[in-house]
Amino acid sequence: MDTTSYEQDVNAWACEQARRIRTGRFDQLDIGHLADEIEDVGKGELRELARCTAVLLEHLLKWAYLPARRSAGWKKIIQAQCKEIRYLLGESPSLAPKMQEPLWLDMVWTRAVANVVTETGLDCFPEDCPWDLQGEVLCGTWLPAE
């Protein structure tokens, strides 16, 4: 019987746990760590949604505040991030309400603004996100007014 501990080698442990599930050896499962890992899957999806949304907002900020530097590349990144977010929401619809939570949106907006300030040196952005994520931003064709 394999006996790699979670702390010793998480990858080997995960493979052993999967084998035990597939062979019906449920009494040999490390239930506590399995529960933690399952919860982490959901947290990983949420982190990916936050990352994609921040990248999207960064490029929307640059589009809105740096009109002289607009490029086809920025537009393609905006479109790609919208598609990726819509895909994530399609795969995990339970993530959608998170995008309406003020605390979550504030965290993502703050990250986006910080990244744009670092990249551009500009510090003239609104304290709060001025755009409706669900209604306008994620449609895939919307861009901030020129």
N, C-alpha and C. Protein backbone atom coordinates (compact mmCIF):
# COMPACT_ATOMS: atom_id res chain seq x y z
N MET A 1 0.84 -1.19 0.00
CA MET A 1 0.00 0.00 0.00
C MET A 1 0.88 1.24 0.00
N ASP A 2 0.56 2.23 -0.86
CA ASP A 2 1.27 3.49 -0.89
C ASP A 2 0.96 4.29 0.37
N THR A 3 1.96 5.00 0.87
CA THR A 3 1.74 5.77 2.10
C THR A 3 2.46 7.11 2.08
N THR A 4 2.47 7.78 0.96
CA THR A 4 3.08 9.10 0.91
C THR A 4 2.17 10.07 1.66
N SER A 5 2.76 10.84 2.56
CA SER A 5 1.95 11.80 3.31
C SER A 5 1.76 13.08 2.50
N TYR A 6 0.72 13.79 2.82
CA TYR A 6 0.39 15.07 2.19
C TYR A 6 1.56 16.04 2.32
N GLU A 7 2.14 16.09 3.51
CA GLU A 7 3.24 17.00 3.80
C GLU A 7 4.53 16.60 3.07
N GLN A 8 4.69 15.32 2.82
CA GLN A 8 5.91 14.79 2.20
C GLN A 8 5.98 15.12 0.71
N ASP A 9 4.88 14.87 -0.02
CA ASP A 9 4.86 15.08 -1.48
C ASP A 9 3.41 15.16 -1.91
N VAL A 10 2.91 16.39 -2.05
CA VAL A 10 1.48 16.58 -2.32
C VAL A 10 1.06 15.97 -3.66
N ASN A 11 1.94 15.97 -4.66
CA ASN A 11 1.58 15.39 -5.95
C ASN A 11 1.43 13.87 -5.84
N ALA A 12 2.40 13.21 -5.21
CA ALA A 12 2.31 11.76 -5.04
C ALA A 12 1.10 11.42 -4.17
N TRP A 13 0.88 12.21 -3.14
CA TRP A 13 -0.28 12.01 -2.26
C TRP A 13 -1.57 12.09 -3.07
N ALA A 14 -1.70 13.10 -3.95
CA ALA A 14 -2.91 13.28 -4.74
C ALA A 14 -3.15 12.08 -5.66
N CYS A 15 -2.08 11.58 -6.28
CA CYS A 15 -2.22 10.40 -7.15
C CYS A 15 -2.68 9.18 -6.36
N GLU A 16 -2.15 9.02 -5.16
CA GLU A 16 -2.56 7.90 -4.31
C GLU A 16 -4.02 8.03 -3.91
N GLN A 17 -4.43 9.24 -3.56
CA GLN A 17 -5.82 9.46 -3.16
C GLN A 17 -6.76 9.16 -4.33
N ALA A 18 -6.38 9.57 -5.53
CA ALA A 18 -7.21 9.30 -6.71
C ALA A 18 -7.31 7.80 -6.96
N ARG A 19 -6.19 7.09 -6.82
CA ARG A 19 -6.21 5.62 -7.00
C ARG A 19 -7.13 4.97 -5.97
N ARG A 20 -7.05 5.44 -4.76
CA ARG A 20 -7.91 4.86 -3.70
C ARG A 20 -9.38 5.11 -4.00
N ILE A 21 -9.71 6.28 -4.49
CA ILE A 21 -11.11 6.57 -4.84
C ILE A 21 -11.55 5.66 -5.98
N ARG A 22 -10.74 5.56 -7.01
CA ARG A 22 -11.10 4.76 -8.19
C ARG A 22 -11.23 3.27 -7.87
N THR A 23 -10.49 2.80 -6.88
CA THR A 23 -10.55 1.38 -6.52
C THR A 23 -11.48 1.11 -5.34
N GLY A 24 -12.17 2.14 -4.89
CA GLY A 24 -13.15 1.96 -3.82
C GLY A 24 -12.56 1.77 -2.44
N ARG A 25 -11.32 2.16 -2.24
CA ARG A 25 -10.70 2.02 -0.91
C ARG A 25 -10.93 3.31 -0.10
N PHE A 26 -12.19 3.60 0.13
CA PHE A 26 -12.57 4.85 0.78
C PHE A 26 -12.10 4.95 2.22
N ASP A 27 -11.95 3.83 2.88
CA ASP A 27 -11.51 3.82 4.27
C ASP A 27 -10.04 4.26 4.39
N GLN A 28 -9.32 4.31 3.29
CA GLN A 28 -7.90 4.68 3.31
C GLN A 28 -7.67 6.13 2.86
N LEU A 29 -8.75 6.86 2.66
CA LEU A 29 -8.61 8.25 2.19
C LEU A 29 -8.21 9.19 3.31
N ASP A 30 -7.46 10.19 2.95
CA ASP A 30 -7.07 11.27 3.85
C ASP A 30 -8.14 12.36 3.71
N ILE A 31 -9.26 12.17 4.38
CA ILE A 31 -10.45 12.99 4.21
C ILE A 31 -10.19 14.47 4.50
N GLY A 32 -9.49 14.78 5.55
CA GLY A 32 -9.24 16.17 5.91
C GLY A 32 -8.51 16.94 4.82
N HIS A 33 -7.41 16.34 4.34
CA HIS A 33 -6.66 17.01 3.28
C HIS A 33 -7.41 17.02 1.96
N LEU A 34 -8.17 15.97 1.69
CA LEU A 34 -8.99 15.95 0.47
C LEU A 34 -10.00 17.10 0.48
N ALA A 35 -10.64 17.31 1.61
CA ALA A 35 -11.61 18.41 1.72
C ALA A 35 -10.92 19.75 1.49
N ASP A 36 -9.73 19.93 2.06
CA ASP A 36 -8.98 21.17 1.86
C ASP A 36 -8.65 21.38 0.38
N GLU A 37 -8.22 20.33 -0.28
CA GLU A 37 -7.86 20.42 -1.70
C GLU A 37 -9.07 20.74 -2.57
N ILE A 38 -10.21 20.16 -2.25
CA ILE A 38 -11.42 20.44 -3.01
C ILE A 38 -11.81 21.90 -2.85
N GLU A 39 -11.75 22.41 -1.63
CA GLU A 39 -12.03 23.84 -1.41
C GLU A 39 -11.05 24.72 -2.18
N ASP A 40 -9.79 24.30 -2.24
CA ASP A 40 -8.78 25.08 -2.95
C ASP A 40 -9.06 25.17 -4.45
N VAL A 41 -9.72 24.16 -5.01
CA VAL A 41 -10.08 24.22 -6.43
C VAL A 41 -10.97 25.43 -6.67
N GLY A 42 -11.98 25.61 -5.83
CA GLY A 42 -12.88 26.75 -5.96
C GLY A 42 -12.15 28.06 -5.74
N LYS A 43 -11.26 28.11 -4.79
CA LYS A 43 -10.49 29.32 -4.55
C LYS A 43 -9.60 29.65 -5.74
N GLY A 44 -9.07 28.63 -6.38
CA GLY A 44 -8.23 28.84 -7.56
C GLY A 44 -9.03 29.45 -8.70
N GLU A 45 -10.26 28.99 -8.88
CA GLU A 45 -11.12 29.56 -9.91
C GLU A 45 -11.42 31.03 -9.62
N LEU A 46 -11.65 31.34 -8.36
CA LEU A 46 -11.92 32.72 -7.97
C LEU A 46 -10.69 33.60 -8.17
N ARG A 47 -9.51 33.08 -7.85
CA ARG A 47 -8.27 33.84 -8.09
C ARG A 47 -8.08 34.10 -9.58
N GLU A 48 -8.40 33.11 -10.41
CA GLU A 48 -8.27 33.29 -11.86
C GLU A 48 -9.25 34.34 -12.37
N LEU A 49 -10.47 34.34 -11.85
CA LEU A 49 -11.44 35.36 -12.22
C LEU A 49 -10.94 36.74 -11.83
N ALA A 50 -10.39 36.86 -10.63
CA ALA A 50 -9.86 38.15 -10.17
C ALA A 50 -8.69 38.59 -11.05
N ARG A 51 -7.80 37.66 -11.41
CA ARG A 51 -6.65 38.00 -12.24
C ARG A 51 -7.10 38.50 -13.61
N CYS A 52 -8.01 37.76 -14.24
CA CYS A 52 -8.50 38.15 -15.57
C CYS A 52 -9.23 39.49 -15.52
N THR A 53 -10.03 39.69 -14.49
CA THR A 53 -10.78 40.94 -14.37
C THR A 53 -9.84 42.11 -14.15
N ALA A 54 -8.80 41.93 -13.35
CA ALA A 54 -7.83 43.01 -13.13
C ALA A 54 -7.11 43.36 -14.43
N VAL A 55 -6.70 42.35 -15.19
CA VAL A 55 -6.04 42.61 -16.48
C VAL A 55 -6.98 43.36 -17.42
N LEU A 56 -8.23 42.95 -17.45
CA LEU A 56 -9.23 43.62 -18.28
C LEU A 56 -9.36 45.08 -17.87
N LEU A 57 -9.52 45.33 -16.57
CA LEU A 57 -9.68 46.70 -16.08
C LEU A 57 -8.44 47.54 -16.33
N GLU A 58 -7.26 46.94 -16.21
CA GLU A 58 -6.02 47.67 -16.51
C GLU A 58 -6.04 48.19 -17.94
N HIS A 59 -6.41 47.34 -18.87
CA HIS A 59 -6.40 47.75 -20.27
C HIS A 59 -7.53 48.73 -20.58
N LEU A 60 -8.65 48.60 -19.90
CA LEU A 60 -9.71 49.58 -20.07
C LEU A 60 -9.28 50.94 -19.53
N LEU A 61 -8.57 50.94 -18.41
CA LEU A 61 -8.04 52.20 -17.87
C LEU A 61 -7.07 52.84 -18.85
N LYS A 62 -6.15 52.05 -19.37
CA LYS A 62 -5.19 52.58 -20.33
C LYS A 62 -5.92 53.10 -21.58
N TRP A 63 -6.93 52.37 -22.03
CA TRP A 63 -7.69 52.79 -23.20
C TRP A 63 -8.35 54.14 -22.93
N ALA A 64 -8.94 54.29 -21.74
CA ALA A 64 -9.67 55.51 -21.40
C ALA A 64 -8.75 56.70 -21.13
N TYR A 65 -7.62 56.46 -20.48
CA TYR A 65 -6.79 57.57 -20.01
C TYR A 65 -5.53 57.82 -20.85
N LEU A 66 -5.25 56.95 -21.78
CA LEU A 66 -4.08 57.14 -22.65
C LEU A 66 -4.51 57.00 -24.12
N PRO A 67 -5.41 57.86 -24.57
CA PRO A 67 -5.95 57.69 -25.93
C PRO A 67 -4.88 57.77 -27.02
N ALA A 68 -3.84 58.51 -26.81
CA ALA A 68 -2.79 58.63 -27.83
C ALA A 68 -2.00 57.33 -28.00
N ARG A 69 -2.06 56.45 -27.01
CA ARG A 69 -1.31 55.19 -27.07
C ARG A 69 -2.18 53.99 -27.38
N ARG A 70 -3.45 54.22 -27.71
CA ARG A 70 -4.34 53.10 -28.04
C ARG A 70 -3.76 52.29 -29.18
N SER A 71 -3.97 51.00 -29.08
CA SER A 71 -3.44 50.12 -30.12
C SER A 71 -4.38 48.95 -30.35
N ALA A 72 -4.17 48.29 -31.48
CA ALA A 72 -4.94 47.08 -31.77
C ALA A 72 -4.63 46.02 -30.72
N GLY A 73 -3.40 46.01 -30.20
CA GLY A 73 -3.01 45.04 -29.18
C GLY A 73 -3.82 45.20 -27.91
N TRP A 74 -4.01 46.44 -27.46
CA TRP A 74 -4.82 46.67 -26.27
C TRP A 74 -6.25 46.19 -26.50
N LYS A 75 -6.78 46.51 -27.68
CA LYS A 75 -8.16 46.11 -27.99
C LYS A 75 -8.27 44.58 -28.00
N LYS A 76 -7.30 43.89 -28.56
CA LYS A 76 -7.31 42.42 -28.60
C LYS A 76 -7.21 41.84 -27.19
N ILE A 77 -6.40 42.45 -26.32
CA ILE A 77 -6.29 41.97 -24.94
C ILE A 77 -7.63 42.16 -24.22
N ILE A 78 -8.26 43.30 -24.43
CA ILE A 78 -9.57 43.56 -23.82
C ILE A 78 -10.58 42.49 -24.27
N GLN A 79 -10.62 42.23 -25.56
CA GLN A 79 -11.55 41.23 -26.08
C GLN A 79 -11.22 39.83 -25.55
N ALA A 80 -9.93 39.50 -25.49
CA ALA A 80 -9.52 38.18 -25.00
C ALA A 80 -9.88 38.00 -23.54
N GLN A 81 -9.66 39.03 -22.73
CA GLN A 81 -9.98 38.92 -21.31
C GLN A 81 -11.49 38.79 -21.11
N CYS A 82 -12.27 39.52 -21.90
CA CYS A 82 -13.74 39.39 -21.81
C CYS A 82 -14.16 37.97 -22.12
N LYS A 83 -13.59 37.40 -23.18
CA LYS A 83 -13.93 36.02 -23.54
C LYS A 83 -13.52 35.04 -22.44
N GLU A 84 -12.33 35.25 -21.89
CA GLU A 84 -11.85 34.34 -20.84
C GLU A 84 -12.75 34.42 -19.61
N ILE A 85 -13.15 35.63 -19.24
CA ILE A 85 -14.03 35.80 -18.08
C ILE A 85 -15.38 35.16 -18.35
N ARG A 86 -15.93 35.38 -19.53
CA ARG A 86 -17.21 34.76 -19.86
C ARG A 86 -17.09 33.24 -19.84
N TYR A 87 -15.97 32.70 -20.30
CA TYR A 87 -15.74 31.26 -20.27
C TYR A 87 -15.69 30.77 -18.81
N LEU A 88 -14.92 31.45 -17.97
CA LEU A 88 -14.83 31.07 -16.56
C LEU A 88 -16.21 31.07 -15.91
N LEU A 89 -16.99 32.10 -16.21
CA LEU A 89 -18.34 32.19 -15.63
C LEU A 89 -19.26 31.11 -16.18
N GLY A 90 -19.06 30.72 -17.43
CA GLY A 90 -19.83 29.63 -18.01
C GLY A 90 -19.50 28.30 -17.38
N GLU A 91 -18.21 28.09 -17.08
CA GLU A 91 -17.76 26.85 -16.45
C GLU A 91 -18.13 26.79 -14.98
N SER A 92 -18.15 27.95 -14.32
CA SER A 92 -18.45 28.03 -12.88
C SER A 92 -19.41 29.20 -12.64
N PRO A 93 -20.68 29.03 -12.97
CA PRO A 93 -21.64 30.13 -12.83
C PRO A 93 -21.75 30.67 -11.41
N SER A 94 -21.37 29.87 -10.42
CA SER A 94 -21.46 30.34 -9.03
C SER A 94 -20.47 31.46 -8.75
N LEU A 95 -19.53 31.72 -9.66
CA LEU A 95 -18.59 32.83 -9.48
C LEU A 95 -19.21 34.18 -9.82
N ALA A 96 -20.23 34.20 -10.66
CA ALA A 96 -20.82 35.45 -11.14
C ALA A 96 -21.24 36.41 -10.02
N PRO A 97 -21.91 35.93 -8.97
CA PRO A 97 -22.31 36.87 -7.92
C PRO A 97 -21.12 37.57 -7.25
N LYS A 98 -19.95 36.95 -7.26
CA LYS A 98 -18.76 37.55 -6.65
C LYS A 98 -18.45 38.88 -7.32
N MET A 99 -18.69 38.97 -8.63
CA MET A 99 -18.38 40.18 -9.37
C MET A 99 -19.26 41.35 -8.96
N GLN A 100 -20.35 41.08 -8.25
CA GLN A 100 -21.24 42.13 -7.76
C GLN A 100 -20.93 42.55 -6.33
N GLU A 101 -20.03 41.82 -5.68
CA GLU A 101 -19.69 42.14 -4.30
C GLU A 101 -18.77 43.35 -4.25
N PRO A 102 -19.17 44.40 -3.55
CA PRO A 102 -18.36 45.61 -3.50
C PRO A 102 -16.92 45.38 -3.01
N LEU A 103 -16.74 44.53 -2.01
CA LEU A 103 -15.41 44.28 -1.48
C LEU A 103 -14.52 43.60 -2.52
N TRP A 104 -15.07 42.62 -3.23
CA TRP A 104 -14.31 41.91 -4.27
C TRP A 104 -13.94 42.87 -5.40
N LEU A 105 -14.93 43.65 -5.87
CA LEU A 105 -14.68 44.59 -6.96
C LEU A 105 -13.66 45.64 -6.54
N ASP A 106 -13.74 46.09 -5.30
CA ASP A 106 -12.76 47.06 -4.80
C ASP A 106 -11.35 46.47 -4.83
N MET A 107 -11.21 45.23 -4.42
CA MET A 107 -9.90 44.56 -4.42
C MET A 107 -9.35 44.47 -5.84
N VAL A 108 -10.18 44.04 -6.78
CA VAL A 108 -9.75 43.88 -8.18
C VAL A 108 -9.44 45.24 -8.79
N TRP A 109 -10.29 46.23 -8.53
CA TRP A 109 -10.08 47.58 -9.07
C TRP A 109 -8.78 48.17 -8.52
N THR A 110 -8.56 48.02 -7.23
CA THR A 110 -7.34 48.55 -6.61
C THR A 110 -6.10 47.92 -7.23
N ARG A 111 -6.15 46.62 -7.48
CA ARG A 111 -5.02 45.93 -8.13
C ARG A 111 -4.79 46.46 -9.53
N ALA A 112 -5.88 46.64 -10.29
CA ALA A 112 -5.76 47.15 -11.66
C ALA A 112 -5.17 48.55 -11.68
N VAL A 113 -5.69 49.42 -10.81
CA VAL A 113 -5.19 50.80 -10.76
C VAL A 113 -3.72 50.81 -10.36
N ALA A 114 -3.34 50.03 -9.36
CA ALA A 114 -1.94 50.00 -8.93
C ALA A 114 -1.02 49.56 -10.07
N ASN A 115 -1.45 48.57 -10.82
CA ASN A 115 -0.63 48.09 -11.94
C ASN A 115 -0.48 49.16 -13.02
N VAL A 116 -1.57 49.89 -13.31
CA VAL A 116 -1.50 50.94 -14.33
C VAL A 116 -0.65 52.10 -13.84
N VAL A 117 -0.79 52.48 -12.58
CA VAL A 117 0.04 53.55 -12.02
C VAL A 117 1.51 53.17 -12.10
N THR A 118 1.83 51.94 -11.74
CA THR A 118 3.22 51.46 -11.79
C THR A 118 3.75 51.50 -13.22
N GLU A 119 2.92 51.07 -14.16
CA GLU A 119 3.35 50.99 -15.55
C GLU A 119 3.48 52.36 -16.22
N THR A 120 2.53 53.27 -15.91
CA THR A 120 2.47 54.52 -16.66
C THR A 120 2.96 55.75 -15.89
N GLY A 121 2.95 55.67 -14.57
CA GLY A 121 3.29 56.84 -13.76
C GLY A 121 2.12 57.77 -13.53
N LEU A 122 1.02 57.55 -14.24
CA LEU A 122 -0.18 58.36 -14.03
C LEU A 122 -0.85 57.96 -12.72
N ASP A 123 -1.44 58.95 -12.06
CA ASP A 123 -2.18 58.65 -10.83
C ASP A 123 -3.42 59.53 -10.79
N CYS A 124 -4.29 59.34 -11.77
CA CYS A 124 -5.46 60.21 -11.93
C CYS A 124 -6.75 59.41 -12.04
N PHE A 125 -6.75 58.21 -11.50
CA PHE A 125 -7.86 57.30 -11.73
C PHE A 125 -8.90 57.38 -10.62
N PRO A 126 -10.16 57.08 -10.96
CA PRO A 126 -11.22 57.11 -9.95
C PRO A 126 -10.94 56.14 -8.81
N GLU A 127 -11.44 56.47 -7.65
CA GLU A 127 -11.29 55.62 -6.46
C GLU A 127 -12.05 54.30 -6.64
N ASP A 128 -13.19 54.37 -7.32
CA ASP A 128 -14.04 53.20 -7.54
C ASP A 128 -14.21 52.96 -9.03
N CYS A 129 -14.45 51.72 -9.38
CA CYS A 129 -14.66 51.35 -10.78
C CYS A 129 -15.90 52.07 -11.32
N PRO A 130 -15.75 52.85 -12.38
CA PRO A 130 -16.89 53.60 -12.92
C PRO A 130 -17.75 52.80 -13.90
N TRP A 131 -17.35 51.59 -14.17
CA TRP A 131 -18.02 50.81 -15.22
C TRP A 131 -18.81 49.64 -14.62
N ASP A 132 -19.88 49.30 -15.29
CA ASP A 132 -20.72 48.16 -14.91
C ASP A 132 -20.12 46.91 -15.56
N LEU A 133 -19.54 46.03 -14.75
CA LEU A 133 -18.88 44.85 -15.29
C LEU A 133 -19.83 43.97 -16.08
N GLN A 134 -20.95 43.63 -15.50
CA GLN A 134 -21.87 42.69 -16.13
C GLN A 134 -22.62 43.34 -17.31
N GLY A 135 -23.02 44.59 -17.15
CA GLY A 135 -23.86 45.22 -18.15
C GLY A 135 -23.14 45.73 -19.38
N GLU A 136 -21.94 46.29 -19.19
CA GLU A 136 -21.27 46.85 -20.35
C GLU A 136 -19.91 46.23 -20.62
N VAL A 137 -19.10 46.09 -19.60
CA VAL A 137 -17.71 45.67 -19.80
C VAL A 137 -17.61 44.29 -20.44
N LEU A 138 -18.36 43.33 -19.95
CA LEU A 138 -18.21 41.95 -20.42
C LEU A 138 -18.94 41.63 -21.72
N CYS A 139 -19.56 42.63 -22.32
CA CYS A 139 -20.25 42.34 -23.59
C CYS A 139 -19.26 42.00 -24.69
N GLY A 140 -18.01 42.43 -24.54
CA GLY A 140 -16.99 42.06 -25.51
C GLY A 140 -16.74 43.08 -26.59
N THR A 141 -17.65 44.03 -26.75
CA THR A 141 -17.47 45.06 -27.77
C THR A 141 -17.39 46.45 -27.16
N TRP A 142 -17.72 46.57 -25.89
CA TRP A 142 -17.75 47.87 -25.22
C TRP A 142 -16.34 48.35 -24.94
N LEU A 143 -16.13 49.65 -25.14
CA LEU A 143 -14.89 50.31 -24.74
C LEU A 143 -15.28 51.63 -24.07
N PRO A 144 -14.46 52.10 -23.13
CA PRO A 144 -14.77 53.39 -22.49
C PRO A 144 -14.87 54.49 -23.54
N ALA A 145 -15.71 55.48 -23.27
CA ALA A 145 -15.91 56.58 -24.20
C ALA A 145 -14.59 57.23 -24.55
N GLU A 146 -14.50 57.62 -25.79
CA GLU A 146 -13.27 58.24 -26.27
C GLU A 146 -13.31 59.74 -26.00
